[in-house]
Protein backbone atom coordinates (compact mmCIF):
# COMPACT_ATOMS: atom_id res chain seq x y z
CA MET A 1 211.34 121.64 -59.34
CA SER A 2 213.91 123.71 -57.24
CA GLU A 3 212.73 125.06 -53.64
CA THR A 4 214.15 128.39 -54.41
CA ARG A 5 214.03 130.45 -57.26
CA LEU A 6 217.25 132.59 -56.71
CA GLU A 7 219.63 132.49 -53.54
CA LEU A 8 222.56 134.56 -52.67
CA ARG A 9 225.12 133.16 -50.91
CA ASP A 10 227.90 135.35 -49.17
CA VAL A 11 228.02 137.77 -52.47
CA THR A 12 230.24 140.44 -52.28
CA ARG A 13 230.78 143.14 -55.26
CA THR A 14 233.58 145.35 -55.41
CA PHE A 15 234.82 147.98 -57.75
CA GLU A 16 237.74 149.95 -58.69
CA GLN A 17 237.31 153.52 -58.49
CA ALA A 18 240.28 156.06 -58.60
CA GLY A 19 242.38 153.62 -57.69
CA GLU A 20 240.44 152.46 -54.32
CA LYS A 21 238.44 149.69 -53.62
CA LEU A 22 234.54 150.44 -53.43
CA ASP A 23 232.45 147.71 -51.50
CA VAL A 24 229.05 148.00 -52.84
CA LEU A 25 227.89 144.53 -51.60
CA ARG A 26 229.14 143.32 -48.48
CA GLY A 27 227.92 139.82 -47.90
CA ILE A 28 224.47 139.47 -48.94
CA ASN A 29 222.54 136.43 -48.19
CA PHE A 30 218.74 135.56 -49.06
CA ALA A 31 216.65 133.54 -51.00
CA ILE A 32 213.24 133.56 -53.14
CA HIS A 33 210.78 131.04 -53.33
CA PRO A 34 208.18 130.00 -55.92
CA GLY A 35 205.24 132.47 -56.36
CA GLU A 36 207.00 134.90 -53.67
CA LEU A 37 206.91 138.71 -54.19
CA VAL A 38 210.10 140.42 -52.72
CA ALA A 39 210.70 143.97 -52.62
CA LEU A 40 214.20 145.59 -52.33
CA VAL A 41 214.20 148.93 -51.08
CA GLY A 42 217.18 151.69 -50.07
CA PRO A 43 218.21 154.88 -50.73
CA SER A 44 219.52 156.05 -54.10
CA GLY A 45 223.19 155.02 -54.87
CA SER A 46 223.02 152.19 -52.33
CA GLY A 47 223.46 149.40 -54.79
CA LYS A 48 220.02 148.12 -55.77
CA SER A 49 220.87 148.21 -59.32
CA THR A 50 223.97 146.35 -58.86
CA LEU A 51 222.28 143.56 -56.80
CA LEU A 52 219.94 142.98 -59.44
CA HIS A 53 222.63 142.90 -62.20
CA VAL A 54 224.42 140.25 -60.26
CA ALA A 55 221.24 138.20 -59.22
CA GLY A 56 220.46 138.65 -62.92
CA LEU A 57 223.66 136.86 -63.94
CA LEU A 58 224.51 140.40 -65.92
CA GLU A 59 227.58 140.95 -63.49
CA ALA A 60 229.80 138.15 -62.02
CA PRO A 61 230.03 138.51 -57.85
CA THR A 62 233.43 139.39 -56.39
CA THR A 63 232.89 136.72 -54.26
CA GLY A 64 230.14 134.30 -53.17
CA THR A 65 227.59 132.03 -54.64
CA VAL A 66 224.37 132.97 -57.02
CA LEU A 67 222.09 129.96 -57.70
CA VAL A 68 219.17 130.36 -60.24
CA ASN A 69 216.48 128.00 -59.56
CA GLY A 70 218.76 125.65 -57.91
CA GLU A 71 221.68 125.95 -60.69
CA VAL A 72 225.12 127.51 -59.62
CA ALA A 73 225.83 130.20 -61.91
CA GLY A 74 229.02 131.43 -60.47
CA ASP A 75 231.14 128.65 -62.06
CA LEU A 76 229.57 129.03 -65.65
CA ASP A 77 231.49 130.42 -68.83
CA ASP A 78 229.98 133.52 -70.38
CA ALA A 79 228.03 131.59 -73.19
CA SER A 80 226.38 129.43 -70.51
CA ARG A 81 225.75 131.95 -68.16
CA THR A 82 224.04 133.90 -71.10
CA ALA A 83 222.01 130.66 -71.96
CA LEU A 84 220.83 130.41 -68.22
CA ARG A 85 219.87 133.79 -67.85
CA ARG A 86 217.89 133.54 -71.29
CA ARG A 87 216.11 130.48 -70.02
CA THR A 88 215.28 131.31 -66.37
CA ILE A 89 215.41 134.93 -65.96
CA GLY A 90 212.92 137.79 -66.82
CA PHE A 91 213.81 141.23 -66.64
CA VAL A 92 211.04 144.38 -66.50
CA TYR A 93 212.81 148.05 -66.08
CA GLN A 94 211.36 151.47 -65.58
CA ALA A 95 211.36 152.33 -69.25
CA HIS A 96 209.66 149.63 -71.10
CA HIS A 97 212.29 149.14 -73.77
CA LEU A 98 209.52 147.95 -76.15
CA LEU A 99 210.71 147.56 -80.13
CA PRO A 100 208.99 150.63 -81.78
CA GLU A 101 208.63 149.02 -84.75
CA PHE A 102 207.00 145.83 -83.81
CA SER A 103 203.60 145.27 -82.77
CA ALA A 104 202.36 144.43 -78.91
CA LEU A 105 202.33 140.74 -79.96
CA GLU A 106 205.47 140.94 -81.94
CA ASN A 107 207.11 142.29 -78.70
CA VAL A 108 206.40 139.33 -76.94
CA VAL A 109 206.54 136.87 -79.82
CA VAL A 110 210.63 137.86 -80.76
CA PRO A 111 211.84 136.82 -77.08
CA GLN A 112 210.24 133.61 -77.47
CA MET A 113 211.49 132.71 -80.61
CA LEU A 114 214.80 133.59 -79.67
CA ASN A 115 214.54 130.99 -77.19
CA GLY A 116 213.71 128.41 -79.76
CA ILE A 117 210.07 128.58 -79.87
CA SER A 118 208.33 128.30 -83.01
CA LYS A 119 206.92 131.38 -84.11
CA ARG A 120 203.04 129.64 -83.97
CA ASP A 121 203.44 128.52 -80.60
CA ALA A 122 205.21 131.95 -79.50
CA ALA A 123 202.10 133.96 -81.11
CA ALA A 124 199.27 131.68 -79.42
CA ARG A 125 201.37 132.19 -75.97
CA ALA A 126 201.41 135.87 -76.69
CA GLN A 127 198.03 136.33 -77.47
CA GLU A 128 197.10 134.38 -74.41
CA LEU A 129 199.01 136.69 -72.05
CA LEU A 130 197.78 139.77 -73.55
CA GLU A 131 194.29 138.81 -73.34
CA ARG A 132 195.00 137.85 -69.56
CA VAL A 133 196.32 141.56 -68.94
CA GLY A 134 193.30 143.11 -70.86
CA LEU A 135 195.38 143.95 -74.07
CA GLY A 136 193.72 141.43 -76.53
CA HIS A 137 192.28 144.02 -78.33
CA ARG A 138 195.55 146.31 -78.66
CA THR A 139 197.57 143.28 -79.87
CA THR A 140 198.15 144.54 -83.43
CA HIS A 141 199.22 148.45 -82.28
CA ARG A 142 202.77 149.58 -81.83
CA PRO A 143 203.72 151.17 -78.51
CA ALA A 144 203.51 154.75 -79.88
CA ARG A 145 199.90 153.82 -79.96
CA LEU A 146 199.65 152.23 -76.25
CA SER A 147 199.27 154.35 -73.12
CA GLY A 148 202.23 154.32 -70.55
CA GLY A 149 200.28 151.96 -68.35
CA GLU A 150 199.75 149.24 -71.76
CA GLN A 151 203.25 149.93 -72.57
CA GLN A 152 204.49 148.33 -69.43
CA ARG A 153 201.71 145.57 -69.27
CA VAL A 154 203.20 144.79 -72.68
CA ALA A 155 207.00 144.73 -71.03
CA ILE A 156 205.65 142.68 -68.24
CA VAL A 157 204.17 140.14 -70.45
CA ARG A 158 207.31 140.07 -72.57
CA ALA A 159 209.47 139.09 -69.57
CA LEU A 160 207.10 136.13 -68.34
CA ALA A 161 206.73 134.91 -71.96
CA ASN A 162 209.42 132.22 -71.54
CA GLN A 163 208.25 131.24 -68.14
CA PRO A 164 211.15 132.21 -66.36
CA ALA A 165 211.91 130.64 -62.73
CA LEU A 166 212.90 134.58 -61.95
CA LEU A 167 211.78 137.80 -62.72
CA LEU A 168 213.68 140.78 -61.86
CA ALA A 169 212.07 144.58 -61.98
CA ASP A 170 213.82 147.80 -61.46
CA GLU A 171 211.23 150.42 -60.61
CA PRO A 172 208.80 148.77 -62.78
CA THR A 173 206.12 151.56 -61.95
CA GLY A 174 208.65 154.47 -61.27
CA ASN A 175 207.01 156.19 -64.74
CA LEU A 176 203.51 155.73 -64.03
CA ASP A 177 200.82 157.74 -62.57
CA PRO A 178 199.58 156.44 -59.10
CA HIS A 179 196.32 154.68 -60.28
CA THR A 180 197.91 152.99 -63.54
CA ALA A 181 201.15 152.26 -61.17
CA GLU A 182 198.45 150.46 -59.21
CA ASP A 183 196.96 148.50 -62.04
CA ALA A 184 200.32 147.38 -63.36
CA PHE A 185 201.47 146.38 -59.94
CA ALA A 186 198.07 144.10 -59.51
CA MET A 187 198.28 142.51 -62.47
CA LEU A 188 202.36 141.39 -61.98
CA ALA A 189 201.53 140.08 -58.53
CA GLU A 190 198.75 138.09 -59.87
CA LEU A 191 201.09 136.78 -62.92
CA VAL A 192 203.82 136.07 -60.20
CA ARG A 193 201.86 133.98 -57.69
CA SER A 194 199.60 132.29 -60.56
CA THR A 195 202.80 131.16 -62.31
CA GLY A 196 205.16 130.27 -59.54
CA VAL A 197 207.93 132.50 -60.59
CA GLY A 198 209.94 133.91 -57.80
CA ALA A 199 210.27 138.14 -57.94
CA LEU A 200 212.64 140.57 -56.63
CA ILE A 201 211.29 144.23 -57.56
CA ALA A 202 213.29 147.33 -56.56
CA THR A 203 211.29 150.14 -55.73
CA HIS A 204 210.92 153.48 -54.32
CA ASN A 205 207.39 153.03 -53.45
CA PHE A 206 207.05 152.08 -49.79
CA ASP A 207 203.17 151.43 -50.25
CA LEU A 208 203.91 149.01 -53.08
CA ALA A 209 206.63 147.63 -51.11
CA GLY A 210 204.74 147.07 -47.95
CA ARG A 211 202.14 145.02 -50.19
CA MET A 212 204.52 142.26 -51.08
CA ASP A 213 205.51 139.31 -49.52
CA ARG A 214 208.73 140.38 -47.53
CA VAL A 215 210.73 143.61 -48.02
CA LEU A 216 214.67 143.43 -48.13
CA ARG A 217 216.48 146.65 -47.40
CA LEU A 218 219.64 147.82 -48.86
CA GLN A 219 221.82 149.53 -46.78
CA ASP A 220 225.95 150.12 -46.44
CA GLY A 221 226.06 147.18 -48.61
CA ARG A 222 224.18 144.55 -46.35
CA VAL A 223 220.42 143.36 -46.53
CA GLU A 224 218.32 143.12 -43.74
CA SER A 225 214.80 142.45 -43.56
CA ALA A 226 212.65 145.45 -42.92
């Protein structure tokens, strides 16, 4: 088992804008370990989403190295990078992005089947995880019949269904009221620590950030411990 779930070494990301270079990430270095919950904070426009995209293998860095679960991703072709992302990374966004025509259970089953898990085994794991987060009685309900907090719980369970090494979350409680956000975060933290996944969570909620294991602040293209 790798000692790190995510490691960025001297990562930069530069964009061309109106003929000029825009340096969004400037030499990023950090690592996330199994069972570790790390907050990513910074002002709007500081590059948090870009950093998550690079860490999640959705964008390639301009320079530098990205390792996921000990595997170097930068040298992989598109197909291999996609396979590594599907196998090792789970994503949670501010909007739940659940499939509206599917039940809660089916929303957790589908990504597992896309990863080669049989429908029977996928359904059993989905049922287990949904029960674990208090939604065992809501498995047949479609997203429209779930509350906002319940929808986000399903989204978090879906992200963890394939037993990823790394969880990346972008404002996962941003659409929830404070009480519901608290419940969702507590559930997320418990799942991260009990499964050994490493988690990088971008948030504007400094109260939640302060309750994570570490806080990384992104500003002027660089990361420092807050």
